[in-house]
Amino acid sequence: MENNNNELAERKAGLSRTTNETDIKLSLGVDGSGVAELETDVPFLNHMLDLFAKHGQFDLSVQARGDIDIDDHHTVEDIGICLGQALREALGDKKGIKRYASVFVPMDEALAQVVIDISNRPHFEYRAEYPSQQVGSFSTELVHEFLWKFALEARITLHVIVHYGSNTHHMIEAVFKALGRALDEATLIDPRVKGVPSTKGVL
């Protein structure tokens, strides 16, 4: 892949994070083929990350263990932190990226929208009301926790809107599919872009 006649370095990153609450190893390839290798203690999050990687064409590997005997909160939060940090590292100086994206994804009766600006200004807006507070053993409030920490650590502006739906699983699934597709679009290299897409000259 080329941009401005300069060959781009492979956009990928890997990291580890160990605390008293979690132990996580994560790697992300931005220019991948949608392959996910996921081993966490939170099955529903595994499912959502698989959708994110598949629809974003990312190569994603996550090995995570956490204090789920308390609840899933720390594990979900720390995976969001690691994914955000890996994305930021993988994108490097962000030269040539499209930067913005807005994607709608339906999932049966549900419709989600994700809008992204890879801005180096972390901000998160979330508009979602779910019919139930649980999907299986997974608490729906953890979707907010994951996305907020991901946006913060990736240093992106992220707006997530669930316009409607009646099945909580479908609604959250639409969010993660839309997140993958929007992030794929925003990180694409546009050969028309000289340097970074900002009048400031940096992102």
N, C-alpha and C. Protein backbone atom coordinates (compact mmCIF):
# COMPACT_ATOMS: atom_id res chain seq x y z
N MET A 1 0.85 -1.19 0.00
CA MET A 1 0.00 0.00 0.00
C MET A 1 0.89 1.24 0.00
N GLU A 2 0.52 2.24 -0.81
CA GLU A 2 1.34 3.43 -0.90
C GLU A 2 0.53 4.68 -0.67
N ASN A 3 1.18 5.71 -0.19
CA ASN A 3 0.57 7.02 -0.01
C ASN A 3 1.65 8.07 -0.20
N ASN A 4 1.41 9.01 -1.13
CA ASN A 4 2.39 10.04 -1.42
C ASN A 4 3.75 9.44 -1.79
N ASN A 5 3.67 8.30 -2.52
CA ASN A 5 4.86 7.61 -3.00
C ASN A 5 5.74 7.06 -1.88
N ASN A 6 5.23 7.03 -0.68
CA ASN A 6 5.97 6.44 0.44
C ASN A 6 5.23 5.19 0.92
N GLU A 7 5.97 4.11 1.03
CA GLU A 7 5.36 2.87 1.48
C GLU A 7 5.06 2.96 2.97
N LEU A 8 3.85 2.58 3.33
CA LEU A 8 3.44 2.66 4.73
C LEU A 8 3.98 1.48 5.52
N ALA A 9 4.36 1.74 6.74
CA ALA A 9 4.71 0.67 7.65
C ALA A 9 3.45 -0.12 7.98
N GLU A 10 3.63 -1.38 8.33
CA GLU A 10 2.49 -2.22 8.70
C GLU A 10 1.82 -1.64 9.94
N ARG A 11 0.52 -1.46 9.84
CA ARG A 11 -0.20 -0.81 10.94
C ARG A 11 -0.74 -1.86 11.91
N LYS A 12 0.06 -2.16 12.90
CA LYS A 12 -0.37 -3.12 13.91
C LYS A 12 0.35 -2.81 15.22
N ALA A 13 -0.22 -3.30 16.30
CA ALA A 13 0.38 -3.08 17.62
C ALA A 13 -0.05 -4.20 18.55
N GLY A 14 0.79 -4.46 19.54
CA GLY A 14 0.48 -5.44 20.56
C GLY A 14 0.91 -4.92 21.92
N LEU A 15 0.20 -5.32 22.95
CA LEU A 15 0.54 -4.87 24.29
C LEU A 15 0.02 -5.84 25.34
N SER A 16 0.55 -5.66 26.54
CA SER A 16 0.10 -6.43 27.70
C SER A 16 -0.26 -5.46 28.82
N ARG A 17 -1.22 -5.85 29.63
CA ARG A 17 -1.61 -5.05 30.79
C ARG A 17 -1.94 -6.01 31.93
N THR A 18 -1.22 -5.87 33.03
CA THR A 18 -1.45 -6.72 34.18
C THR A 18 -1.69 -5.85 35.41
N THR A 19 -2.80 -6.08 36.07
CA THR A 19 -3.12 -5.40 37.32
C THR A 19 -3.54 -6.45 38.34
N ASN A 20 -3.94 -6.00 39.52
CA ASN A 20 -4.46 -6.92 40.51
C ASN A 20 -5.82 -7.48 40.13
N GLU A 21 -6.44 -6.88 39.08
CA GLU A 21 -7.79 -7.27 38.68
C GLU A 21 -7.84 -8.03 37.37
N THR A 22 -6.90 -7.74 36.46
CA THR A 22 -6.93 -8.37 35.13
C THR A 22 -5.53 -8.65 34.62
N ASP A 23 -5.46 -9.59 33.68
CA ASP A 23 -4.23 -9.91 32.97
C ASP A 23 -4.61 -10.04 31.49
N ILE A 24 -4.11 -9.10 30.67
CA ILE A 24 -4.57 -9.01 29.28
C ILE A 24 -3.38 -8.94 28.33
N LYS A 25 -3.46 -9.71 27.26
CA LYS A 25 -2.55 -9.61 26.13
C LYS A 25 -3.40 -9.37 24.89
N LEU A 26 -3.08 -8.33 24.12
CA LEU A 26 -3.92 -7.94 22.99
C LEU A 26 -3.05 -7.49 21.83
N SER A 27 -3.41 -7.89 20.63
CA SER A 27 -2.76 -7.39 19.43
C SER A 27 -3.81 -7.03 18.40
N LEU A 28 -3.53 -5.97 17.63
CA LEU A 28 -4.47 -5.46 16.63
C LEU A 28 -3.72 -5.17 15.34
N GLY A 29 -4.23 -5.69 14.24
CA GLY A 29 -3.75 -5.35 12.92
C GLY A 29 -4.83 -4.58 12.19
N VAL A 30 -4.57 -3.32 11.87
CA VAL A 30 -5.60 -2.48 11.24
C VAL A 30 -5.90 -2.96 9.82
N ASP A 31 -4.88 -3.32 9.08
CA ASP A 31 -5.06 -3.74 7.68
C ASP A 31 -5.08 -5.26 7.61
N GLY A 32 -6.10 -5.83 8.21
CA GLY A 32 -6.17 -7.28 8.33
C GLY A 32 -7.21 -7.90 7.42
N SER A 33 -7.70 -9.06 7.84
CA SER A 33 -8.69 -9.80 7.05
C SER A 33 -9.87 -10.25 7.89
N GLY A 34 -10.03 -9.66 9.08
CA GLY A 34 -11.19 -9.97 9.90
C GLY A 34 -11.05 -11.22 10.74
N VAL A 35 -9.81 -11.61 11.04
CA VAL A 35 -9.56 -12.82 11.83
C VAL A 35 -9.45 -12.46 13.31
N ALA A 36 -10.23 -13.11 14.14
CA ALA A 36 -10.21 -12.85 15.58
C ALA A 36 -9.88 -14.12 16.35
N GLU A 37 -8.94 -14.00 17.30
CA GLU A 37 -8.64 -15.07 18.23
C GLU A 37 -8.90 -14.53 19.63
N LEU A 38 -9.97 -14.99 20.23
CA LEU A 38 -10.47 -14.36 21.45
C LEU A 38 -10.61 -15.38 22.57
N GLU A 39 -9.94 -15.11 23.68
CA GLU A 39 -10.05 -15.95 24.87
C GLU A 39 -10.21 -15.04 26.07
N THR A 40 -11.45 -14.75 26.43
CA THR A 40 -11.71 -13.96 27.62
C THR A 40 -12.71 -14.70 28.49
N ASP A 41 -12.88 -14.18 29.70
CA ASP A 41 -13.84 -14.78 30.63
C ASP A 41 -15.26 -14.26 30.42
N VAL A 42 -15.46 -13.45 29.39
CA VAL A 42 -16.76 -12.83 29.16
C VAL A 42 -17.27 -13.24 27.79
N PRO A 43 -18.06 -14.32 27.69
CA PRO A 43 -18.47 -14.86 26.40
C PRO A 43 -19.19 -13.86 25.50
N PHE A 44 -20.06 -13.03 26.06
CA PHE A 44 -20.78 -12.07 25.22
C PHE A 44 -19.83 -11.05 24.61
N LEU A 45 -18.80 -10.64 25.36
CA LEU A 45 -17.82 -9.72 24.81
C LEU A 45 -17.00 -10.40 23.71
N ASN A 46 -16.68 -11.66 23.88
CA ASN A 46 -16.03 -12.41 22.80
C ASN A 46 -16.84 -12.31 21.52
N HIS A 47 -18.12 -12.52 21.63
CA HIS A 47 -19.02 -12.46 20.47
C HIS A 47 -19.00 -11.07 19.83
N MET A 48 -19.06 -10.02 20.65
CA MET A 48 -19.08 -8.66 20.12
C MET A 48 -17.74 -8.29 19.47
N LEU A 49 -16.62 -8.69 20.09
CA LEU A 49 -15.31 -8.40 19.51
C LEU A 49 -15.10 -9.16 18.21
N ASP A 50 -15.64 -10.35 18.12
CA ASP A 50 -15.57 -11.12 16.88
C ASP A 50 -16.30 -10.37 15.75
N LEU A 51 -17.47 -9.82 16.06
CA LEU A 51 -18.22 -9.03 15.08
C LEU A 51 -17.45 -7.78 14.69
N PHE A 52 -16.88 -7.09 15.68
CA PHE A 52 -16.10 -5.89 15.45
C PHE A 52 -14.95 -6.17 14.48
N ALA A 53 -14.20 -7.24 14.74
CA ALA A 53 -13.06 -7.58 13.89
C ALA A 53 -13.50 -7.98 12.49
N LYS A 54 -14.54 -8.79 12.40
CA LYS A 54 -15.01 -9.29 11.11
C LYS A 54 -15.50 -8.15 10.23
N HIS A 55 -16.27 -7.26 10.78
CA HIS A 55 -16.86 -6.18 9.98
C HIS A 55 -15.90 -5.02 9.77
N GLY A 56 -14.85 -4.94 10.58
CA GLY A 56 -13.84 -3.91 10.39
C GLY A 56 -12.64 -4.38 9.60
N GLN A 57 -12.61 -5.69 9.29
CA GLN A 57 -11.46 -6.28 8.60
C GLN A 57 -10.16 -6.09 9.41
N PHE A 58 -10.31 -6.21 10.72
CA PHE A 58 -9.15 -6.13 11.61
C PHE A 58 -8.71 -7.53 12.01
N ASP A 59 -7.42 -7.70 12.22
CA ASP A 59 -6.93 -8.92 12.85
C ASP A 59 -6.76 -8.61 14.33
N LEU A 60 -7.47 -9.36 15.15
CA LEU A 60 -7.53 -9.05 16.58
C LEU A 60 -7.29 -10.31 17.40
N SER A 61 -6.36 -10.21 18.33
CA SER A 61 -6.11 -11.30 19.26
C SER A 61 -6.23 -10.76 20.69
N VAL A 62 -7.03 -11.43 21.50
CA VAL A 62 -7.20 -11.03 22.89
C VAL A 62 -7.16 -12.26 23.78
N GLN A 63 -6.27 -12.22 24.76
CA GLN A 63 -6.26 -13.20 25.84
C GLN A 63 -6.43 -12.42 27.13
N ALA A 64 -7.49 -12.71 27.85
CA ALA A 64 -7.79 -11.91 29.04
C ALA A 64 -8.36 -12.78 30.15
N ARG A 65 -7.84 -12.55 31.34
CA ARG A 65 -8.37 -13.17 32.55
C ARG A 65 -8.61 -12.07 33.57
N GLY A 66 -9.73 -12.16 34.27
CA GLY A 66 -10.06 -11.12 35.23
C GLY A 66 -10.82 -11.65 36.42
N ASP A 67 -11.15 -10.73 37.32
CA ASP A 67 -11.83 -11.09 38.56
C ASP A 67 -13.35 -11.18 38.35
N ILE A 68 -13.74 -12.11 37.48
CA ILE A 68 -15.17 -12.24 37.17
C ILE A 68 -15.95 -12.85 38.32
N ASP A 69 -15.26 -13.33 39.35
CA ASP A 69 -15.97 -13.78 40.55
C ASP A 69 -16.65 -12.59 41.24
N ILE A 70 -16.10 -11.37 40.99
CA ILE A 70 -16.77 -10.15 41.47
C ILE A 70 -17.84 -9.75 40.46
N ASP A 71 -17.41 -9.39 39.25
CA ASP A 71 -18.29 -9.20 38.10
C ASP A 71 -17.41 -9.00 36.87
N ASP A 72 -18.04 -8.71 35.72
CA ASP A 72 -17.30 -8.59 34.46
C ASP A 72 -16.69 -7.20 34.25
N HIS A 73 -16.96 -6.27 35.15
CA HIS A 73 -16.64 -4.87 34.92
C HIS A 73 -15.16 -4.64 34.60
N HIS A 74 -14.27 -5.11 35.45
CA HIS A 74 -12.86 -4.81 35.27
C HIS A 74 -12.32 -5.41 33.98
N THR A 75 -12.76 -6.62 33.65
CA THR A 75 -12.28 -7.28 32.43
C THR A 75 -12.72 -6.52 31.20
N VAL A 76 -13.98 -6.14 31.14
CA VAL A 76 -14.51 -5.42 29.98
C VAL A 76 -13.84 -4.05 29.86
N GLU A 77 -13.73 -3.34 30.97
CA GLU A 77 -13.11 -2.02 30.98
C GLU A 77 -11.66 -2.09 30.50
N ASP A 78 -10.89 -3.05 31.01
CA ASP A 78 -9.47 -3.11 30.69
C ASP A 78 -9.23 -3.56 29.26
N ILE A 79 -10.11 -4.39 28.71
CA ILE A 79 -9.98 -4.75 27.29
C ILE A 79 -10.25 -3.53 26.43
N GLY A 80 -11.23 -2.71 26.80
CA GLY A 80 -11.48 -1.46 26.09
C GLY A 80 -10.26 -0.54 26.13
N ILE A 81 -9.62 -0.44 27.29
CA ILE A 81 -8.41 0.36 27.44
C ILE A 81 -7.31 -0.15 26.51
N CYS A 82 -7.08 -1.46 26.53
CA CYS A 82 -6.01 -2.04 25.71
C CYS A 82 -6.29 -1.90 24.23
N LEU A 83 -7.53 -2.10 23.82
CA LEU A 83 -7.87 -1.97 22.40
C LEU A 83 -7.66 -0.54 21.92
N GLY A 84 -8.04 0.43 22.74
CA GLY A 84 -7.84 1.82 22.38
C GLY A 84 -6.37 2.17 22.26
N GLN A 85 -5.56 1.70 23.22
CA GLN A 85 -4.12 1.96 23.18
C GLN A 85 -3.48 1.32 21.96
N ALA A 86 -3.91 0.10 21.62
CA ALA A 86 -3.35 -0.59 20.47
C ALA A 86 -3.71 0.13 19.17
N LEU A 87 -4.95 0.62 19.07
CA LEU A 87 -5.34 1.35 17.87
C LEU A 87 -4.51 2.61 17.70
N ARG A 88 -4.36 3.34 18.78
CA ARG A 88 -3.60 4.60 18.71
C ARG A 88 -2.15 4.32 18.28
N GLU A 89 -1.55 3.28 18.84
CA GLU A 89 -0.17 2.95 18.48
C GLU A 89 -0.08 2.48 17.03
N ALA A 90 -1.04 1.67 16.62
CA ALA A 90 -0.99 1.11 15.27
C ALA A 90 -1.13 2.18 14.19
N LEU A 91 -1.90 3.23 14.47
CA LEU A 91 -2.13 4.27 13.47
C LEU A 91 -0.96 5.24 13.35
N GLY A 92 -0.08 5.26 14.34
CA GLY A 92 1.11 6.09 14.23
C GLY A 92 0.80 7.56 14.03
N ASP A 93 1.44 8.17 13.02
CA ASP A 93 1.24 9.60 12.79
C ASP A 93 -0.04 9.92 12.02
N LYS A 94 -0.78 8.89 11.61
CA LYS A 94 -2.09 9.02 10.97
C LYS A 94 -2.03 9.68 9.59
N LYS A 95 -0.88 9.72 8.98
CA LYS A 95 -0.77 10.32 7.65
C LYS A 95 -1.59 9.55 6.63
N GLY A 96 -2.37 10.29 5.85
CA GLY A 96 -3.11 9.70 4.75
C GLY A 96 -4.46 9.11 5.09
N ILE A 97 -4.85 9.09 6.38
CA ILE A 97 -6.13 8.45 6.72
C ILE A 97 -7.31 9.33 6.33
N LYS A 98 -8.46 8.70 6.16
CA LYS A 98 -9.68 9.45 5.85
C LYS A 98 -10.17 10.25 7.05
N ARG A 99 -9.92 9.75 8.25
CA ARG A 99 -10.19 10.41 9.53
C ARG A 99 -11.64 10.28 9.99
N TYR A 100 -12.61 10.61 9.15
CA TYR A 100 -14.02 10.62 9.56
C TYR A 100 -14.77 9.43 8.97
N ALA A 101 -15.83 9.02 9.67
CA ALA A 101 -16.74 8.02 9.13
C ALA A 101 -18.05 8.06 9.88
N SER A 102 -19.12 7.76 9.18
CA SER A 102 -20.45 7.62 9.78
C SER A 102 -21.12 6.41 9.14
N VAL A 103 -21.51 5.45 9.98
CA VAL A 103 -22.04 4.19 9.47
C VAL A 103 -23.31 3.81 10.22
N PHE A 104 -24.35 3.46 9.47
CA PHE A 104 -25.57 2.87 10.01
C PHE A 104 -25.53 1.36 9.77
N VAL A 105 -25.90 0.59 10.77
CA VAL A 105 -26.00 -0.86 10.61
C VAL A 105 -27.33 -1.33 11.21
N PRO A 106 -28.15 -2.03 10.41
CA PRO A 106 -29.36 -2.65 10.96
C PRO A 106 -29.05 -4.06 11.43
N MET A 107 -29.74 -4.48 12.45
CA MET A 107 -29.72 -5.89 12.87
C MET A 107 -31.16 -6.27 13.15
N ASP A 108 -31.80 -6.85 12.14
CA ASP A 108 -33.24 -7.14 12.21
C ASP A 108 -34.01 -5.86 12.53
N GLU A 109 -34.64 -5.80 13.70
CA GLU A 109 -35.49 -4.64 14.03
C GLU A 109 -34.70 -3.47 14.60
N ALA A 110 -33.41 -3.68 14.89
CA ALA A 110 -32.59 -2.65 15.53
C ALA A 110 -31.77 -1.88 14.51
N LEU A 111 -31.52 -0.61 14.82
CA LEU A 111 -30.69 0.23 13.96
C LEU A 111 -29.72 1.03 14.82
N ALA A 112 -28.41 0.87 14.53
CA ALA A 112 -27.37 1.60 15.26
C ALA A 112 -26.56 2.45 14.30
N GLN A 113 -26.06 3.56 14.82
CA GLN A 113 -25.22 4.46 14.06
C GLN A 113 -23.96 4.76 14.86
N VAL A 114 -22.81 4.70 14.20
CA VAL A 114 -21.54 5.05 14.83
C VAL A 114 -20.85 6.10 13.96
N VAL A 115 -20.47 7.21 14.59
CA VAL A 115 -19.78 8.32 13.92
C VAL A 115 -18.44 8.51 14.59
N ILE A 116 -17.37 8.57 13.78
CA ILE A 116 -16.01 8.60 14.31
C ILE A 116 -15.23 9.75 13.70
N ASP A 117 -14.42 10.39 14.55
CA ASP A 117 -13.40 11.33 14.11
C ASP A 117 -12.11 10.93 14.81
N ILE A 118 -11.11 10.50 14.02
CA ILE A 118 -9.82 10.14 14.60
C ILE A 118 -9.05 11.45 14.79
N SER A 119 -9.34 12.10 15.88
CA SER A 119 -9.07 13.53 16.05
C SER A 119 -7.93 13.85 17.01
N ASN A 120 -7.49 12.86 17.80
CA ASN A 120 -6.60 13.08 18.93
C ASN A 120 -7.25 13.93 20.02
N ARG A 121 -8.59 14.02 19.96
CA ARG A 121 -9.36 14.69 21.01
C ARG A 121 -10.41 13.69 21.51
N PRO A 122 -10.12 12.99 22.61
CA PRO A 122 -11.05 11.95 23.06
C PRO A 122 -12.37 12.54 23.54
N HIS A 123 -13.44 12.05 22.98
CA HIS A 123 -14.78 12.46 23.40
C HIS A 123 -15.74 11.32 23.07
N PHE A 124 -16.74 11.11 23.95
CA PHE A 124 -17.67 10.01 23.76
C PHE A 124 -19.09 10.48 24.03
N GLU A 125 -19.97 10.25 23.06
CA GLU A 125 -21.40 10.49 23.22
C GLU A 125 -22.13 9.18 22.97
N TYR A 126 -23.10 8.89 23.83
CA TYR A 126 -23.77 7.59 23.80
C TYR A 126 -25.26 7.79 23.99
N ARG A 127 -26.02 7.36 23.01
CA ARG A 127 -27.48 7.47 23.07
C ARG A 127 -28.06 6.08 22.83
N ALA A 128 -28.38 5.38 23.91
CA ALA A 128 -28.91 4.03 23.80
C ALA A 128 -29.76 3.70 25.00
N GLU A 129 -30.94 3.19 24.75
CA GLU A 129 -31.82 2.71 25.82
C GLU A 129 -32.23 1.28 25.48
N TYR A 130 -31.79 0.35 26.33
CA TYR A 130 -32.03 -1.06 26.05
C TYR A 130 -33.26 -1.56 26.81
N PRO A 131 -34.00 -2.46 26.21
CA PRO A 131 -35.19 -3.01 26.87
C PRO A 131 -34.87 -3.79 28.14
N SER A 132 -33.69 -4.42 28.17
CA SER A 132 -33.33 -5.20 29.35
C SER A 132 -31.94 -4.80 29.82
N GLN A 133 -31.66 -5.03 31.09
CA GLN A 133 -30.37 -4.66 31.68
C GLN A 133 -29.35 -5.78 31.59
N GLN A 134 -29.77 -6.93 31.12
CA GLN A 134 -28.87 -8.07 30.99
C GLN A 134 -29.07 -8.74 29.64
N VAL A 135 -27.98 -9.24 29.06
CA VAL A 135 -28.04 -10.20 27.96
C VAL A 135 -27.33 -11.45 28.47
N GLY A 136 -28.10 -12.46 28.83
CA GLY A 136 -27.52 -13.58 29.55
C GLY A 136 -26.98 -13.07 30.87
N SER A 137 -25.69 -13.30 31.12
CA SER A 137 -25.07 -12.81 32.36
C SER A 137 -24.36 -11.47 32.16
N PHE A 138 -24.43 -10.92 30.95
CA PHE A 138 -23.71 -9.69 30.63
C PHE A 138 -24.58 -8.47 30.92
N SER A 139 -24.02 -7.53 31.69
CA SER A 139 -24.74 -6.30 32.03
C SER A 139 -24.61 -5.29 30.89
N THR A 140 -25.73 -4.76 30.43
CA THR A 140 -25.70 -3.84 29.29
C THR A 140 -24.97 -2.53 29.61
N GLU A 141 -24.85 -2.15 30.88
CA GLU A 141 -24.13 -0.92 31.20
C GLU A 141 -22.65 -1.03 30.86
N LEU A 142 -22.16 -2.25 30.70
CA LEU A 142 -20.76 -2.44 30.37
C LEU A 142 -20.45 -2.07 28.92
N VAL A 143 -21.46 -1.98 28.06
CA VAL A 143 -21.24 -1.51 26.70
C VAL A 143 -20.72 -0.07 26.75
N HIS A 144 -21.38 0.75 27.54
CA HIS A 144 -20.93 2.13 27.73
C HIS A 144 -19.50 2.17 28.28
N GLU A 145 -19.23 1.35 29.28
CA GLU A 145 -17.90 1.34 29.91
C GLU A 145 -16.82 0.99 28.89
N PHE A 146 -17.07 -0.04 28.10
CA PHE A 146 -16.10 -0.47 27.09
C PHE A 146 -15.85 0.62 26.05
N LEU A 147 -16.93 1.17 25.50
CA LEU A 147 -16.79 2.15 24.42
C LEU A 147 -16.14 3.44 24.92
N TRP A 148 -16.51 3.87 26.12
CA TRP A 148 -15.94 5.10 26.69
C TRP A 148 -14.44 4.96 26.87
N LYS A 149 -13.98 3.84 27.47
CA LYS A 149 -12.56 3.65 27.69
C LYS A 149 -11.82 3.45 26.37
N PHE A 150 -12.44 2.78 25.42
CA PHE A 150 -11.83 2.62 24.10
C PHE A 150 -11.60 3.98 23.44
N ALA A 151 -12.62 4.84 23.42
CA ALA A 151 -12.49 6.16 22.81
C ALA A 151 -11.45 7.01 23.51
N LEU A 152 -11.43 6.93 24.85
CA LEU A 152 -10.49 7.71 25.64
C LEU A 152 -9.05 7.33 25.32
N GLU A 153 -8.76 6.04 25.30
CA GLU A 153 -7.39 5.58 25.09
C GLU A 153 -6.97 5.67 23.63
N ALA A 154 -7.91 5.52 22.71
CA ALA A 154 -7.59 5.68 21.29
C ALA A 154 -7.46 7.14 20.90
N ARG A 155 -7.95 8.03 21.77
CA ARG A 155 -7.98 9.48 21.54
C ARG A 155 -8.76 9.81 20.26
N ILE A 156 -9.98 9.26 20.21
CA ILE A 156 -10.88 9.54 19.10
C ILE A 156 -12.17 10.16 19.63
N THR A 157 -12.87 10.85 18.76
CA THR A 157 -14.23 11.28 19.05
C THR A 157 -15.17 10.19 18.55
N LEU A 158 -16.01 9.70 19.44
CA LEU A 158 -16.88 8.57 19.12
C LEU A 158 -18.31 8.89 19.55
N HIS A 159 -19.22 8.86 18.59
CA HIS A 159 -20.65 9.03 18.86
C HIS A 159 -21.36 7.73 18.50
N VAL A 160 -22.10 7.18 19.45
CA VAL A 160 -22.84 5.94 19.25
C VAL A 160 -24.31 6.21 19.53
N ILE A 161 -25.15 5.92 18.55
CA ILE A 161 -26.59 6.15 18.67
C ILE A 161 -27.34 4.88 18.28
N VAL A 162 -28.12 4.36 19.20
CA VAL A 162 -29.03 3.26 18.86
C VAL A 162 -30.39 3.90 18.62
N HIS A 163 -30.79 3.98 17.37
CA HIS A 163 -32.00 4.72 17.02
C HIS A 163 -33.27 4.02 17.51
N TYR A 164 -33.29 2.69 17.40
CA TYR A 164 -34.44 1.94 17.90
C TYR A 164 -34.11 0.46 17.90
N GLY A 165 -34.98 -0.31 18.52
CA GLY A 165 -34.84 -1.76 18.59
C GLY A 165 -35.68 -2.29 19.74
N SER A 166 -35.96 -3.57 19.70
CA SER A 166 -36.73 -4.19 20.78
C SER A 166 -36.01 -5.39 21.39
N ASN A 167 -34.93 -5.85 20.74
CA ASN A 167 -34.16 -6.96 21.25
C ASN A 167 -32.78 -6.44 21.65
N THR A 168 -32.46 -6.53 22.93
CA THR A 168 -31.22 -5.94 23.44
C THR A 168 -29.98 -6.53 22.77
N HIS A 169 -29.97 -7.83 22.57
CA HIS A 169 -28.84 -8.47 21.90
C HIS A 169 -28.65 -7.88 20.50
N HIS A 170 -29.73 -7.77 19.75
CA HIS A 170 -29.64 -7.21 18.40
C HIS A 170 -29.12 -5.77 18.42
N MET A 171 -29.56 -5.00 19.38
CA MET A 171 -29.18 -3.59 19.45
C MET A 171 -27.67 -3.44 19.71
N ILE A 172 -27.15 -4.23 20.66
CA ILE A 172 -25.73 -4.17 20.97
C ILE A 172 -24.91 -4.74 19.82
N GLU A 173 -25.41 -5.78 19.20
CA GLU A 173 -24.71 -6.36 18.05
C GLU A 173 -24.58 -5.33 16.92
N ALA A 174 -25.64 -4.59 16.67
CA ALA A 174 -25.59 -3.56 15.63
C ALA A 174 -24.54 -2.50 15.96
N VAL A 175 -24.39 -2.17 17.25
CA VAL A 175 -23.39 -1.19 17.67
C VAL A 175 -21.99 -1.68 17.33
N PHE A 176 -21.66 -2.90 17.67
CA PHE A 176 -20.30 -3.40 17.44
C PHE A 176 -20.00 -3.61 15.96
N LYS A 177 -21.00 -4.02 15.20
CA LYS A 177 -20.80 -4.11 13.75
C LYS A 177 -20.55 -2.73 13.15
N ALA A 178 -21.34 -1.75 13.58
CA ALA A 178 -21.18 -0.39 13.08
C ALA A 178 -19.84 0.20 13.51
N LEU A 179 -19.41 -0.10 14.74
CA LEU A 179 -18.12 0.37 15.20
C LEU A 179 -16.99 -0.16 14.32
N GLY A 180 -17.03 -1.44 14.01
CA GLY A 180 -16.00 -2.02 13.15
C GLY A 180 -15.99 -1.39 11.77
N ARG A 181 -17.16 -1.23 11.18
CA ARG A 181 -17.23 -0.68 9.83
C ARG A 181 -16.84 0.80 9.79
N ALA A 182 -17.25 1.55 10.79
CA ALA A 182 -16.90 2.97 10.83
C ALA A 182 -15.40 3.15 11.04
N LEU A 183 -14.84 2.35 11.93
CA LEU A 183 -13.41 2.47 12.18
C LEU A 183 -12.60 2.03 10.96
N ASP A 184 -13.07 1.02 10.27
CA ASP A 184 -12.41 0.60 9.03
C ASP A 184 -12.38 1.75 8.02
N GLU A 185 -13.52 2.40 7.85
CA GLU A 185 -13.60 3.50 6.89
C GLU A 185 -12.73 4.68 7.31
N ALA A 186 -12.76 5.04 8.58
CA ALA A 186 -12.01 6.20 9.05
C ALA A 186 -10.50 6.00 8.99
N THR A 187 -10.05 4.74 9.09
CA THR A 187 -8.62 4.46 9.08
C THR A 187 -8.08 4.14 7.69
N LEU A 188 -8.95 4.09 6.70
CA LEU A 188 -8.49 3.81 5.34
C LEU A 188 -7.54 4.90 4.85
N ILE A 189 -6.57 4.48 4.06
CA ILE A 189 -5.64 5.43 3.46
C ILE A 189 -6.27 5.99 2.18
N ASP A 190 -6.34 7.31 2.11
CA ASP A 190 -6.86 8.00 0.94
C ASP A 190 -5.66 8.61 0.20
N PRO A 191 -5.36 8.15 -1.01
CA PRO A 191 -4.17 8.63 -1.72
C PRO A 191 -4.21 10.12 -2.05
N ARG A 192 -5.39 10.74 -1.93
CA ARG A 192 -5.48 12.18 -2.19
C ARG A 192 -5.00 13.02 -1.01
N VAL A 193 -4.95 12.39 0.17
CA VAL A 193 -4.58 13.13 1.37
C VAL A 193 -3.07 13.30 1.44
N LYS A 194 -2.63 14.53 1.55
CA LYS A 194 -1.21 14.83 1.70
C LYS A 194 -0.94 15.08 3.19
N GLY A 195 -0.13 14.26 3.79
CA GLY A 195 0.11 14.37 5.22
C GLY A 195 -1.10 13.91 6.00
N VAL A 196 -1.47 14.68 7.02
CA VAL A 196 -2.65 14.33 7.82
C VAL A 196 -3.82 15.22 7.43
N PRO A 197 -5.05 14.70 7.53
CA PRO A 197 -6.23 15.49 7.14
C PRO A 197 -6.65 16.49 8.23
N SER A 198 -5.81 17.50 8.44
CA SER A 198 -6.10 18.52 9.44
C SER A 198 -5.36 19.80 9.06
N THR A 199 -6.04 20.94 9.20
CA THR A 199 -5.39 22.20 8.94
C THR A 199 -4.31 22.52 9.97
N LYS A 200 -4.35 21.80 11.11
CA LYS A 200 -3.33 21.98 12.14
C LYS A 200 -1.99 21.37 11.74
N GLY A 201 -2.05 20.39 10.84
CA GLY A 201 -0.84 19.72 10.42
C GLY A 201 -0.48 18.50 11.25
N VAL A 202 -1.24 18.26 12.32
CA VAL A 202 -1.01 17.08 13.16
C VAL A 202 -2.37 16.56 13.64
N LEU A 203 -2.38 15.28 13.96
CA LEU A 203 -3.54 14.65 14.59
C LEU A 203 -3.06 13.88 15.80
